[in-house]
N, C-alpha and C. Protein backbone atom coordinates (compact mmCIF):
# COMPACT_ATOMS: atom_id res chain seq x y z
N UNK A 1 -46.26 82.73 -29.17
CA UNK A 1 -44.99 82.28 -28.59
C UNK A 1 -45.18 81.96 -27.11
N UNK A 2 -46.00 82.74 -26.40
CA UNK A 2 -46.23 82.47 -24.98
C UNK A 2 -46.91 81.13 -24.76
N UNK A 3 -47.65 80.67 -25.74
CA UNK A 3 -48.33 79.38 -25.64
C UNK A 3 -47.45 78.22 -26.10
N UNK A 4 -46.18 78.51 -26.41
CA UNK A 4 -45.28 77.44 -26.84
C UNK A 4 -45.38 77.12 -28.31
N UNK A 5 -45.92 78.05 -29.11
CA UNK A 5 -46.08 77.85 -30.55
C UNK A 5 -45.25 78.88 -31.31
N UNK A 6 -44.59 78.44 -32.37
CA UNK A 6 -43.82 79.35 -33.22
C UNK A 6 -44.57 79.50 -34.53
N UNK A 7 -45.03 80.71 -34.87
CA UNK A 7 -45.80 80.91 -36.10
C UNK A 7 -44.89 80.95 -37.33
N UNK A 8 -45.49 80.69 -38.49
CA UNK A 8 -44.72 80.70 -39.73
C UNK A 8 -44.78 82.05 -40.43
N UNK A 9 -45.55 83.00 -39.88
CA UNK A 9 -45.66 84.33 -40.47
C UNK A 9 -45.87 85.34 -39.35
N UNK A 10 -45.40 86.58 -39.54
CA UNK A 10 -45.54 87.57 -38.46
C UNK A 10 -46.97 88.08 -38.29
N UNK A 11 -47.80 87.97 -39.33
CA UNK A 11 -49.16 88.51 -39.27
C UNK A 11 -50.13 87.47 -39.83
N UNK A 12 -51.15 87.14 -39.06
CA UNK A 12 -52.17 86.16 -39.45
C UNK A 12 -51.56 84.84 -39.96
N UNK A 13 -50.78 84.16 -39.15
CA UNK A 13 -50.19 82.89 -39.61
C UNK A 13 -51.25 81.81 -39.76
N UNK A 14 -51.04 80.94 -40.73
CA UNK A 14 -51.97 79.82 -40.95
C UNK A 14 -51.46 78.54 -40.31
N UNK A 15 -50.21 78.56 -39.84
CA UNK A 15 -49.64 77.35 -39.26
C UNK A 15 -48.66 77.76 -38.16
N UNK A 16 -48.60 76.96 -37.10
CA UNK A 16 -47.63 77.17 -36.02
C UNK A 16 -47.10 75.81 -35.59
N UNK A 17 -45.85 75.77 -35.21
CA UNK A 17 -45.20 74.53 -34.78
C UNK A 17 -44.87 74.68 -33.30
N UNK A 18 -45.10 73.63 -32.53
CA UNK A 18 -44.79 73.70 -31.10
C UNK A 18 -43.27 73.73 -30.90
N UNK A 19 -42.84 74.39 -29.84
CA UNK A 19 -41.42 74.47 -29.53
C UNK A 19 -40.84 73.09 -29.22
N UNK A 20 -41.66 72.21 -28.66
CA UNK A 20 -41.17 70.86 -28.34
C UNK A 20 -40.82 70.10 -29.61
N UNK A 21 -41.61 70.26 -30.67
CA UNK A 21 -41.31 69.60 -31.94
C UNK A 21 -40.05 70.20 -32.56
N UNK A 22 -39.92 71.53 -32.49
CA UNK A 22 -38.74 72.18 -33.05
C UNK A 22 -37.48 71.79 -32.29
N UNK A 23 -37.60 71.66 -30.97
CA UNK A 23 -36.44 71.21 -30.19
C UNK A 23 -36.11 69.75 -30.50
N UNK A 24 -37.13 68.94 -30.71
CA UNK A 24 -36.90 67.55 -31.10
C UNK A 24 -36.14 67.48 -32.41
N UNK A 25 -36.56 68.29 -33.39
CA UNK A 25 -35.86 68.29 -34.67
C UNK A 25 -34.42 68.80 -34.52
N UNK A 26 -34.23 69.83 -33.69
CA UNK A 26 -32.88 70.38 -33.49
C UNK A 26 -31.94 69.33 -32.91
N UNK A 27 -32.39 68.63 -31.88
CA UNK A 27 -31.56 67.61 -31.24
C UNK A 27 -31.32 66.44 -32.19
N UNK A 28 -32.39 66.01 -32.90
CA UNK A 28 -32.25 64.88 -33.82
C UNK A 28 -31.31 65.21 -34.97
N UNK A 29 -31.38 66.44 -35.50
CA UNK A 29 -30.51 66.80 -36.61
C UNK A 29 -29.06 66.98 -36.16
N UNK A 30 -28.83 67.30 -34.88
CA UNK A 30 -27.46 67.35 -34.37
C UNK A 30 -26.87 65.95 -34.30
N UNK A 31 -27.68 64.97 -33.95
CA UNK A 31 -27.21 63.59 -33.89
C UNK A 31 -27.10 62.96 -35.28
N UNK A 32 -27.99 63.37 -36.17
CA UNK A 32 -27.98 62.82 -37.54
C UNK A 32 -28.15 63.98 -38.52
N UNK A 33 -27.02 64.56 -39.00
CA UNK A 33 -27.11 65.72 -39.89
C UNK A 33 -27.84 65.42 -41.20
N UNK A 34 -27.98 64.16 -41.55
CA UNK A 34 -28.66 63.80 -42.80
C UNK A 34 -30.18 63.84 -42.67
N UNK A 35 -30.69 64.07 -41.47
CA UNK A 35 -32.13 64.16 -41.28
C UNK A 35 -32.64 65.44 -41.91
N UNK A 36 -33.32 65.31 -43.02
CA UNK A 36 -33.79 66.48 -43.77
C UNK A 36 -35.13 66.95 -43.21
N UNK A 37 -35.38 68.24 -43.39
CA UNK A 37 -36.66 68.82 -42.97
C UNK A 37 -37.80 68.15 -43.72
N UNK A 38 -37.59 67.85 -44.99
CA UNK A 38 -38.63 67.23 -45.80
C UNK A 38 -39.10 65.92 -45.18
N UNK A 39 -38.15 65.06 -44.81
CA UNK A 39 -38.49 63.76 -44.21
C UNK A 39 -39.17 63.94 -42.86
N UNK A 40 -38.69 64.89 -42.07
CA UNK A 40 -39.26 65.12 -40.75
C UNK A 40 -40.71 65.61 -40.86
N UNK A 41 -40.95 66.53 -41.81
CA UNK A 41 -42.31 67.05 -41.99
C UNK A 41 -43.24 65.94 -42.50
N UNK A 42 -42.75 65.08 -43.37
CA UNK A 42 -43.57 63.95 -43.84
C UNK A 42 -43.94 63.04 -42.68
N UNK A 43 -42.97 62.81 -41.75
CA UNK A 43 -43.26 61.99 -40.59
C UNK A 43 -44.31 62.65 -39.70
N UNK A 44 -44.23 63.98 -39.54
CA UNK A 44 -45.25 64.69 -38.75
C UNK A 44 -46.63 64.57 -39.39
N UNK A 45 -46.66 64.67 -40.71
CA UNK A 45 -47.95 64.52 -41.43
C UNK A 45 -48.53 63.13 -41.21
N UNK A 46 -47.66 62.11 -41.23
CA UNK A 46 -48.13 60.75 -40.99
C UNK A 46 -48.68 60.60 -39.58
N UNK A 47 -47.99 61.21 -38.60
CA UNK A 47 -48.45 61.12 -37.21
C UNK A 47 -49.81 61.79 -37.02
N UNK A 48 -50.05 62.88 -37.75
CA UNK A 48 -51.32 63.61 -37.61
C UNK A 48 -52.39 63.14 -38.60
N UNK A 49 -52.02 62.21 -39.49
CA UNK A 49 -53.00 61.68 -40.42
C UNK A 49 -53.46 62.66 -41.47
N UNK A 50 -52.54 63.55 -41.90
CA UNK A 50 -52.88 64.52 -42.95
C UNK A 50 -51.95 64.31 -44.13
N UNK A 51 -52.40 64.60 -45.34
CA UNK A 51 -51.52 64.43 -46.51
C UNK A 51 -50.40 65.47 -46.52
N UNK A 52 -49.25 65.04 -46.98
CA UNK A 52 -48.11 65.95 -47.07
C UNK A 52 -48.31 66.93 -48.23
N UNK A 53 -47.99 68.19 -48.00
CA UNK A 53 -48.00 69.22 -49.02
C UNK A 53 -46.62 69.88 -49.04
N UNK A 54 -46.07 70.15 -50.22
CA UNK A 54 -44.71 70.73 -50.29
C UNK A 54 -44.55 72.04 -49.54
N UNK A 55 -45.61 72.86 -49.46
CA UNK A 55 -45.47 74.15 -48.78
C UNK A 55 -45.24 73.97 -47.27
N UNK A 56 -45.63 72.80 -46.72
CA UNK A 56 -45.41 72.57 -45.29
C UNK A 56 -43.93 72.55 -44.93
N UNK A 57 -43.11 72.07 -45.87
CA UNK A 57 -41.66 72.03 -45.66
C UNK A 57 -41.12 73.45 -45.48
N UNK A 58 -41.57 74.37 -46.33
CA UNK A 58 -41.12 75.76 -46.26
C UNK A 58 -41.60 76.41 -44.96
N UNK A 59 -42.86 76.15 -44.58
CA UNK A 59 -43.38 76.73 -43.35
C UNK A 59 -42.64 76.20 -42.13
N UNK A 60 -42.32 74.91 -42.12
CA UNK A 60 -41.55 74.35 -41.01
C UNK A 60 -40.16 74.97 -40.95
N UNK A 61 -39.55 75.17 -42.11
CA UNK A 61 -38.22 75.78 -42.17
C UNK A 61 -38.24 77.20 -41.60
N UNK A 62 -39.28 77.97 -41.92
CA UNK A 62 -39.41 79.33 -41.39
C UNK A 62 -39.53 79.28 -39.86
N UNK A 63 -40.39 78.40 -39.36
CA UNK A 63 -40.57 78.27 -37.92
C UNK A 63 -39.28 77.85 -37.23
N UNK A 64 -38.54 76.95 -37.87
CA UNK A 64 -37.29 76.46 -37.27
C UNK A 64 -36.24 77.58 -37.22
N UNK A 65 -36.16 78.40 -38.28
CA UNK A 65 -35.24 79.53 -38.27
C UNK A 65 -35.59 80.53 -37.17
N UNK A 66 -36.90 80.77 -36.99
CA UNK A 66 -37.33 81.68 -35.92
C UNK A 66 -36.95 81.09 -34.56
N UNK A 67 -37.18 79.80 -34.40
CA UNK A 67 -36.85 79.14 -33.13
C UNK A 67 -35.36 79.24 -32.81
N UNK A 68 -34.51 79.01 -33.82
CA UNK A 68 -33.07 79.12 -33.61
C UNK A 68 -32.66 80.55 -33.27
N UNK A 69 -33.30 81.52 -33.91
CA UNK A 69 -32.99 82.93 -33.63
C UNK A 69 -33.39 83.28 -32.19
N UNK A 70 -34.54 82.78 -31.74
CA UNK A 70 -34.97 83.04 -30.37
C UNK A 70 -34.00 82.40 -29.38
N UNK A 71 -33.60 81.16 -29.65
CA UNK A 71 -32.64 80.49 -28.77
C UNK A 71 -31.33 81.27 -28.68
N UNK A 72 -30.84 81.75 -29.82
CA UNK A 72 -29.59 82.50 -29.85
C UNK A 72 -29.73 83.80 -29.05
N UNK A 73 -30.86 84.50 -29.22
CA UNK A 73 -31.08 85.75 -28.51
C UNK A 73 -31.15 85.52 -27.00
N UNK A 74 -31.85 84.47 -26.58
CA UNK A 74 -31.95 84.15 -25.15
C UNK A 74 -30.57 83.80 -24.61
N UNK A 75 -29.81 83.00 -25.36
CA UNK A 75 -28.47 82.62 -24.91
C UNK A 75 -27.57 83.84 -24.77
N UNK A 76 -27.66 84.78 -25.71
CA UNK A 76 -26.85 85.99 -25.63
C UNK A 76 -27.19 86.80 -24.38
N UNK A 77 -28.47 86.89 -24.05
CA UNK A 77 -28.88 87.63 -22.85
C UNK A 77 -28.39 86.93 -21.59
N UNK A 78 -28.40 85.60 -21.59
CA UNK A 78 -27.88 84.85 -20.44
C UNK A 78 -26.39 85.09 -20.28
N UNK A 79 -25.65 85.07 -21.41
CA UNK A 79 -24.20 85.29 -21.34
C UNK A 79 -23.88 86.67 -20.80
N UNK A 80 -24.67 87.67 -21.19
CA UNK A 80 -24.45 89.03 -20.67
C UNK A 80 -24.73 89.06 -19.18
N UNK A 81 -25.80 88.42 -18.72
CA UNK A 81 -26.14 88.41 -17.30
C UNK A 81 -25.06 87.71 -16.48
N UNK A 82 -24.45 86.66 -17.04
CA UNK A 82 -23.40 85.92 -16.34
C UNK A 82 -22.02 86.53 -16.54
N UNK A 83 -21.96 87.62 -17.31
CA UNK A 83 -20.70 88.30 -17.64
C UNK A 83 -19.76 87.36 -18.41
N UNK A 84 -20.35 86.58 -19.29
CA UNK A 84 -19.58 85.69 -20.17
C UNK A 84 -19.60 86.18 -21.61
N UNK A 85 -19.92 87.46 -21.82
CA UNK A 85 -20.08 87.98 -23.17
C UNK A 85 -18.79 88.52 -23.77
N UNK A 86 -17.69 88.46 -23.04
CA UNK A 86 -16.40 88.88 -23.59
C UNK A 86 -16.01 87.93 -24.72
N UNK A 87 -15.60 88.43 -25.89
CA UNK A 87 -15.28 87.53 -27.02
C UNK A 87 -14.23 86.47 -26.70
N UNK A 88 -13.32 86.76 -25.77
CA UNK A 88 -12.28 85.77 -25.45
C UNK A 88 -12.62 84.89 -24.27
N UNK A 89 -13.84 85.02 -23.71
CA UNK A 89 -14.18 84.26 -22.51
C UNK A 89 -14.17 82.76 -22.78
N UNK A 90 -14.76 82.33 -23.88
CA UNK A 90 -14.84 80.90 -24.18
C UNK A 90 -13.46 80.29 -24.37
N UNK A 91 -12.56 81.03 -25.01
CA UNK A 91 -11.20 80.54 -25.23
C UNK A 91 -10.45 80.43 -23.90
N UNK A 92 -10.61 81.42 -23.03
CA UNK A 92 -9.91 81.40 -21.75
C UNK A 92 -10.43 80.31 -20.81
N UNK A 93 -11.69 79.91 -20.98
CA UNK A 93 -12.29 78.91 -20.10
C UNK A 93 -12.64 77.62 -20.85
N UNK A 94 -11.95 77.37 -21.94
CA UNK A 94 -12.29 76.21 -22.77
C UNK A 94 -12.02 74.89 -22.04
N UNK A 95 -10.86 74.78 -21.43
CA UNK A 95 -10.49 73.52 -20.77
C UNK A 95 -9.69 73.84 -19.53
N UNK A 96 -10.27 73.77 -18.34
CA UNK A 96 -9.54 74.11 -17.12
C UNK A 96 -8.27 73.27 -16.95
N UNK A 97 -8.31 72.01 -17.35
CA UNK A 97 -7.12 71.16 -17.19
C UNK A 97 -5.96 71.65 -18.06
N UNK A 98 -6.28 72.22 -19.23
CA UNK A 98 -5.22 72.67 -20.15
C UNK A 98 -4.79 74.11 -19.85
N UNK A 99 -5.69 74.93 -19.35
CA UNK A 99 -5.39 76.35 -19.21
C UNK A 99 -5.06 76.77 -17.78
N UNK A 100 -5.22 75.86 -16.82
CA UNK A 100 -4.94 76.21 -15.43
C UNK A 100 -3.43 76.30 -15.23
N UNK A 101 -2.97 77.36 -14.60
CA UNK A 101 -1.54 77.57 -14.36
C UNK A 101 -1.26 77.60 -12.87
N UNK A 102 -0.21 76.92 -12.45
CA UNK A 102 0.20 76.90 -11.07
C UNK A 102 1.14 78.06 -10.78
N UNK A 103 1.16 78.50 -9.56
CA UNK A 103 2.08 79.56 -9.15
C UNK A 103 3.51 79.02 -9.23
N UNK A 104 4.38 79.74 -9.92
CA UNK A 104 5.76 79.32 -10.07
C UNK A 104 5.99 78.27 -11.15
N UNK A 105 4.97 77.96 -11.92
CA UNK A 105 5.11 76.96 -12.99
C UNK A 105 6.01 77.50 -14.09
N UNK A 106 6.87 76.63 -14.62
CA UNK A 106 7.80 77.05 -15.67
C UNK A 106 7.03 77.48 -16.91
N UNK A 107 7.47 78.57 -17.54
CA UNK A 107 6.82 79.09 -18.74
C UNK A 107 7.26 78.27 -19.94
N UNK A 108 6.31 77.78 -20.70
CA UNK A 108 6.60 76.99 -21.90
C UNK A 108 6.60 77.89 -23.12
N UNK A 109 7.30 77.45 -24.18
CA UNK A 109 7.30 78.22 -25.42
C UNK A 109 5.89 78.30 -26.00
N UNK A 110 5.18 77.18 -26.00
CA UNK A 110 3.78 77.14 -26.44
C UNK A 110 2.95 76.60 -25.27
N UNK A 111 1.99 77.37 -24.82
CA UNK A 111 1.19 76.93 -23.67
C UNK A 111 0.14 75.89 -24.08
N UNK A 112 -0.37 75.99 -25.30
CA UNK A 112 -1.38 75.05 -25.79
C UNK A 112 -1.09 74.75 -27.25
N UNK A 113 -1.17 73.49 -27.63
CA UNK A 113 -1.05 73.09 -29.03
C UNK A 113 -2.38 72.51 -29.47
N UNK A 114 -2.85 72.89 -30.64
CA UNK A 114 -4.11 72.36 -31.15
C UNK A 114 -3.96 72.09 -32.64
N UNK A 115 -4.85 71.27 -33.16
CA UNK A 115 -4.79 70.92 -34.57
C UNK A 115 -6.22 70.77 -35.10
N UNK A 116 -6.35 70.92 -36.42
CA UNK A 116 -7.64 70.73 -37.09
C UNK A 116 -7.40 69.99 -38.39
N UNK A 117 -8.45 69.38 -38.92
CA UNK A 117 -8.30 68.66 -40.18
C UNK A 117 -8.52 69.56 -41.38
N UNK A 118 -8.76 70.84 -41.17
CA UNK A 118 -8.95 71.76 -42.29
C UNK A 118 -10.20 71.47 -43.09
N UNK A 119 -11.16 70.77 -42.46
CA UNK A 119 -12.42 70.44 -43.12
C UNK A 119 -12.23 69.52 -44.32
N UNK A 120 -11.17 68.72 -44.29
CA UNK A 120 -10.88 67.83 -45.42
C UNK A 120 -11.96 66.79 -45.64
N UNK A 121 -12.63 66.36 -44.56
CA UNK A 121 -13.66 65.35 -44.73
C UNK A 121 -14.81 65.88 -45.59
N UNK A 122 -15.15 67.18 -45.44
CA UNK A 122 -16.21 67.75 -46.26
C UNK A 122 -15.74 68.04 -47.68
N UNK A 123 -14.43 68.27 -47.86
CA UNK A 123 -13.93 68.56 -49.19
C UNK A 123 -14.03 67.35 -50.11
N UNK A 124 -14.13 66.16 -49.53
CA UNK A 124 -14.21 64.95 -50.35
C UNK A 124 -15.59 64.76 -50.96
N UNK A 125 -16.57 65.49 -50.48
CA UNK A 125 -17.93 65.35 -50.99
C UNK A 125 -18.13 66.33 -52.14
N UNK A 126 -18.44 65.80 -53.28
CA UNK A 126 -18.62 66.66 -54.46
C UNK A 126 -20.07 67.14 -54.51
N UNK A 127 -20.24 68.44 -54.48
CA UNK A 127 -21.58 69.02 -54.53
C UNK A 127 -21.71 69.85 -55.79
N UNK A 128 -21.95 69.20 -56.91
CA UNK A 128 -22.09 69.90 -58.18
C UNK A 128 -23.30 69.38 -58.92
N UNK A 129 -23.86 70.24 -59.75
CA UNK A 129 -25.02 69.85 -60.54
C UNK A 129 -24.57 68.90 -61.65
N UNK A 130 -25.28 67.81 -61.85
CA UNK A 130 -24.91 66.91 -62.96
C UNK A 130 -25.31 67.53 -64.30
N UNK A 131 -24.46 67.33 -65.29
CA UNK A 131 -24.75 67.81 -66.63
C UNK A 131 -24.86 66.62 -67.58
N UNK A 132 -25.58 66.75 -68.65
CA UNK A 132 -25.65 65.65 -69.61
C UNK A 132 -24.29 65.42 -70.25
N UNK A 133 -24.13 64.20 -70.77
CA UNK A 133 -22.86 63.87 -71.42
C UNK A 133 -22.64 64.76 -72.64
N UNK A 134 -21.41 65.15 -72.82
CA UNK A 134 -21.06 65.98 -73.98
C UNK A 134 -20.60 65.06 -75.11
N UNK A 135 -21.37 64.92 -76.19
CA UNK A 135 -21.00 63.97 -77.24
C UNK A 135 -19.69 64.34 -77.94
N UNK A 136 -19.31 65.60 -77.91
CA UNK A 136 -18.08 65.99 -78.58
C UNK A 136 -16.83 65.69 -77.79
N UNK A 137 -16.96 65.45 -76.49
CA UNK A 137 -15.78 65.27 -75.63
C UNK A 137 -15.67 63.84 -75.11
N UNK A 138 -16.30 62.88 -75.71
CA UNK A 138 -16.19 61.50 -75.25
C UNK A 138 -17.34 61.14 -74.32
N UNK A 139 -17.12 60.03 -73.57
CA UNK A 139 -18.19 59.50 -72.73
C UNK A 139 -18.17 60.05 -71.31
N UNK A 140 -17.12 60.76 -70.93
CA UNK A 140 -17.00 61.21 -69.55
C UNK A 140 -18.01 62.29 -69.20
N UNK A 141 -18.47 62.30 -67.94
CA UNK A 141 -19.41 63.35 -67.53
C UNK A 141 -18.70 64.70 -67.40
N UNK A 142 -19.44 65.74 -67.63
CA UNK A 142 -18.91 67.09 -67.50
C UNK A 142 -19.27 67.59 -66.10
N UNK A 143 -18.31 68.19 -65.41
CA UNK A 143 -18.56 68.69 -64.07
C UNK A 143 -19.41 69.95 -64.15
N UNK A 144 -20.50 69.95 -63.42
CA UNK A 144 -21.42 71.08 -63.45
C UNK A 144 -21.05 72.16 -62.45
N UNK A 145 -21.91 73.14 -62.36
CA UNK A 145 -21.71 74.24 -61.42
C UNK A 145 -21.95 73.75 -59.99
N UNK A 146 -21.29 74.37 -59.01
CA UNK A 146 -21.56 73.99 -57.62
C UNK A 146 -23.02 74.24 -57.28
N UNK A 147 -23.64 73.31 -56.55
CA UNK A 147 -25.04 73.48 -56.18
C UNK A 147 -25.21 73.67 -54.68
N UNK A 148 -24.15 74.13 -54.02
CA UNK A 148 -24.25 74.40 -52.60
C UNK A 148 -25.03 75.69 -52.37
N UNK A 149 -25.86 75.67 -51.37
CA UNK A 149 -26.62 76.87 -51.01
C UNK A 149 -25.81 77.66 -49.99
N UNK A 150 -25.61 78.93 -50.26
CA UNK A 150 -24.84 79.75 -49.33
C UNK A 150 -25.60 79.90 -48.03
N UNK A 151 -24.87 79.75 -46.93
CA UNK A 151 -25.46 79.89 -45.62
C UNK A 151 -24.85 81.12 -44.97
N UNK A 152 -25.63 82.18 -44.86
CA UNK A 152 -25.14 83.45 -44.33
C UNK A 152 -25.28 83.56 -42.81
N UNK A 153 -25.78 82.49 -42.17
CA UNK A 153 -25.98 82.56 -40.73
C UNK A 153 -24.65 82.54 -40.00
N UNK A 154 -24.63 83.11 -38.80
CA UNK A 154 -23.44 83.10 -37.96
C UNK A 154 -23.74 82.31 -36.69
N UNK A 155 -22.70 81.76 -36.10
CA UNK A 155 -22.90 80.94 -34.90
C UNK A 155 -22.77 81.74 -33.62
N UNK A 156 -22.49 83.01 -33.71
CA UNK A 156 -22.35 83.82 -32.52
C UNK A 156 -20.90 83.99 -32.12
N UNK A 157 -20.66 84.95 -31.27
CA UNK A 157 -19.30 85.27 -30.86
C UNK A 157 -18.74 84.18 -29.95
N UNK A 158 -17.43 83.99 -30.03
CA UNK A 158 -16.76 83.08 -29.12
C UNK A 158 -16.45 81.72 -29.70
N UNK A 159 -17.11 81.34 -30.80
CA UNK A 159 -16.85 80.03 -31.39
C UNK A 159 -15.81 80.11 -32.51
N UNK A 160 -16.01 81.02 -33.45
CA UNK A 160 -15.12 81.16 -34.59
C UNK A 160 -14.65 82.59 -34.69
N UNK A 161 -13.45 82.76 -35.23
CA UNK A 161 -12.97 84.11 -35.48
C UNK A 161 -13.47 84.55 -36.86
N UNK A 162 -13.48 85.84 -37.08
CA UNK A 162 -14.02 86.37 -38.32
C UNK A 162 -13.04 86.20 -39.47
N UNK A 163 -13.53 86.33 -40.69
CA UNK A 163 -12.69 86.23 -41.88
C UNK A 163 -11.62 87.32 -41.87
N UNK A 164 -11.96 88.51 -41.39
CA UNK A 164 -10.98 89.60 -41.32
C UNK A 164 -9.84 89.26 -40.39
N UNK A 165 -10.13 88.59 -39.26
CA UNK A 165 -9.07 88.19 -38.34
C UNK A 165 -8.18 87.11 -38.95
N UNK A 166 -8.78 86.21 -39.73
CA UNK A 166 -7.98 85.17 -40.39
C UNK A 166 -7.06 85.79 -41.43
N UNK A 167 -7.58 86.77 -42.18
CA UNK A 167 -6.80 87.38 -43.24
C UNK A 167 -5.59 88.15 -42.72
N UNK A 168 -5.59 88.51 -41.43
CA UNK A 168 -4.42 89.17 -40.86
C UNK A 168 -3.18 88.27 -40.89
N UNK A 169 -3.41 86.94 -40.98
CA UNK A 169 -2.30 85.98 -41.00
C UNK A 169 -2.15 85.34 -42.38
N UNK A 170 -2.51 86.06 -43.40
CA UNK A 170 -2.36 85.53 -44.76
C UNK A 170 -0.87 85.41 -45.11
N UNK A 171 -0.59 84.59 -46.08
CA UNK A 171 0.80 84.31 -46.48
C UNK A 171 1.53 85.59 -46.85
N UNK A 172 0.87 86.45 -47.60
CA UNK A 172 1.52 87.68 -48.06
C UNK A 172 1.87 88.60 -46.89
N UNK A 173 0.93 88.74 -45.95
CA UNK A 173 1.18 89.63 -44.81
C UNK A 173 2.28 89.10 -43.90
N UNK A 174 2.30 87.78 -43.71
CA UNK A 174 3.35 87.19 -42.86
C UNK A 174 4.71 87.35 -43.50
N UNK A 175 4.81 87.10 -44.81
CA UNK A 175 6.09 87.28 -45.51
C UNK A 175 6.54 88.73 -45.46
N UNK A 176 5.59 89.64 -45.58
CA UNK A 176 5.93 91.07 -45.50
C UNK A 176 6.43 91.42 -44.10
N UNK A 177 5.80 90.84 -43.08
CA UNK A 177 6.20 91.10 -41.70
C UNK A 177 7.61 90.55 -41.44
N UNK A 178 7.93 89.39 -42.04
CA UNK A 178 9.27 88.81 -41.89
C UNK A 178 10.31 89.74 -42.50
N UNK A 179 10.00 90.31 -43.67
CA UNK A 179 10.94 91.23 -44.32
C UNK A 179 11.18 92.47 -43.46
N UNK A 180 10.13 92.96 -42.81
CA UNK A 180 10.28 94.15 -41.97
C UNK A 180 11.13 93.88 -40.73
N UNK A 181 11.10 92.63 -40.23
CA UNK A 181 11.83 92.29 -39.00
C UNK A 181 13.00 91.34 -39.28
N UNK A 182 13.58 91.43 -40.47
CA UNK A 182 14.63 90.48 -40.82
C UNK A 182 15.89 90.67 -39.98
N UNK A 183 16.06 91.80 -39.31
CA UNK A 183 17.24 92.03 -38.47
C UNK A 183 17.13 91.30 -37.13
N UNK A 184 15.92 90.97 -36.68
CA UNK A 184 15.73 90.26 -35.42
C UNK A 184 15.61 88.76 -35.71
N UNK A 185 16.73 88.05 -35.60
CA UNK A 185 16.80 86.64 -36.00
C UNK A 185 15.90 85.76 -35.13
N UNK A 186 15.77 86.08 -33.84
CA UNK A 186 14.95 85.24 -32.95
C UNK A 186 13.48 85.27 -33.36
N UNK A 187 12.98 86.46 -33.66
CA UNK A 187 11.58 86.59 -34.05
C UNK A 187 11.33 85.90 -35.38
N UNK A 188 12.23 86.10 -36.34
CA UNK A 188 12.06 85.48 -37.66
C UNK A 188 12.12 83.96 -37.54
N UNK A 189 13.02 83.44 -36.70
CA UNK A 189 13.12 81.98 -36.52
C UNK A 189 11.83 81.43 -35.93
N UNK A 190 11.28 82.13 -34.95
CA UNK A 190 10.04 81.67 -34.35
C UNK A 190 8.88 81.69 -35.35
N UNK A 191 8.80 82.75 -36.15
CA UNK A 191 7.73 82.84 -37.15
C UNK A 191 7.87 81.74 -38.19
N UNK A 192 9.11 81.50 -38.64
CA UNK A 192 9.31 80.44 -39.63
C UNK A 192 9.00 79.08 -39.06
N UNK A 193 9.30 78.88 -37.77
CA UNK A 193 9.00 77.60 -37.14
C UNK A 193 7.49 77.35 -37.14
N UNK A 194 6.73 78.40 -36.85
CA UNK A 194 5.27 78.26 -36.77
C UNK A 194 4.64 78.17 -38.16
N UNK A 195 5.08 79.02 -39.09
CA UNK A 195 4.34 79.19 -40.34
C UNK A 195 4.94 78.47 -41.55
N UNK A 196 6.08 77.78 -41.39
CA UNK A 196 6.71 77.14 -42.55
C UNK A 196 5.77 76.21 -43.30
N UNK A 197 4.98 75.35 -42.61
CA UNK A 197 4.06 74.47 -43.37
C UNK A 197 3.03 75.22 -44.20
N UNK A 198 2.74 76.47 -43.83
CA UNK A 198 1.69 77.22 -44.52
C UNK A 198 2.25 78.18 -45.58
N UNK A 199 3.52 78.53 -45.46
CA UNK A 199 4.09 79.53 -46.34
C UNK A 199 4.68 78.93 -47.60
N UNK A 200 5.16 77.68 -47.53
CA UNK A 200 5.88 77.12 -48.67
C UNK A 200 5.23 75.84 -49.15
């Protein structure tokens, strides 16, 4: 690692990838998410004049995962040194133009409004295994099992909230909270104003 090489194994590695190549792949894949490791490794083999072997793809993937883990660890240490490791720091400093408040400025009901597409663009992509035609059910194809690979990696604190935090605002819990505070009309009106699109 001190020589700028990332090994593919912790003990007696047979292959190492330079950090510059791994950074090149990281930047290129951010610009073009369709750039597969397989294609990139084949291009590296062509540049070095060696035949492509399938195991090289796995070794490159291992090196890339190690490289990303090292980058994340270094970034976390930098954030601690700069005192930016508070989970809410990124949210508080996301946009100075939007979050800056003047002395004596009138208080708004909502200080910031934001929206998301709910990942609808990715929902349009069908990722299922193809199955052969079922002769008993006509000519239509049968939808297979999902073939998505689970990704257990995390992006680090400050970018996304956890699943447990999201579940605190589930439909059932919000409706239960409304029932508990049904005597306070102002609070219930505000909750219904915010959550009506999600509750009904």
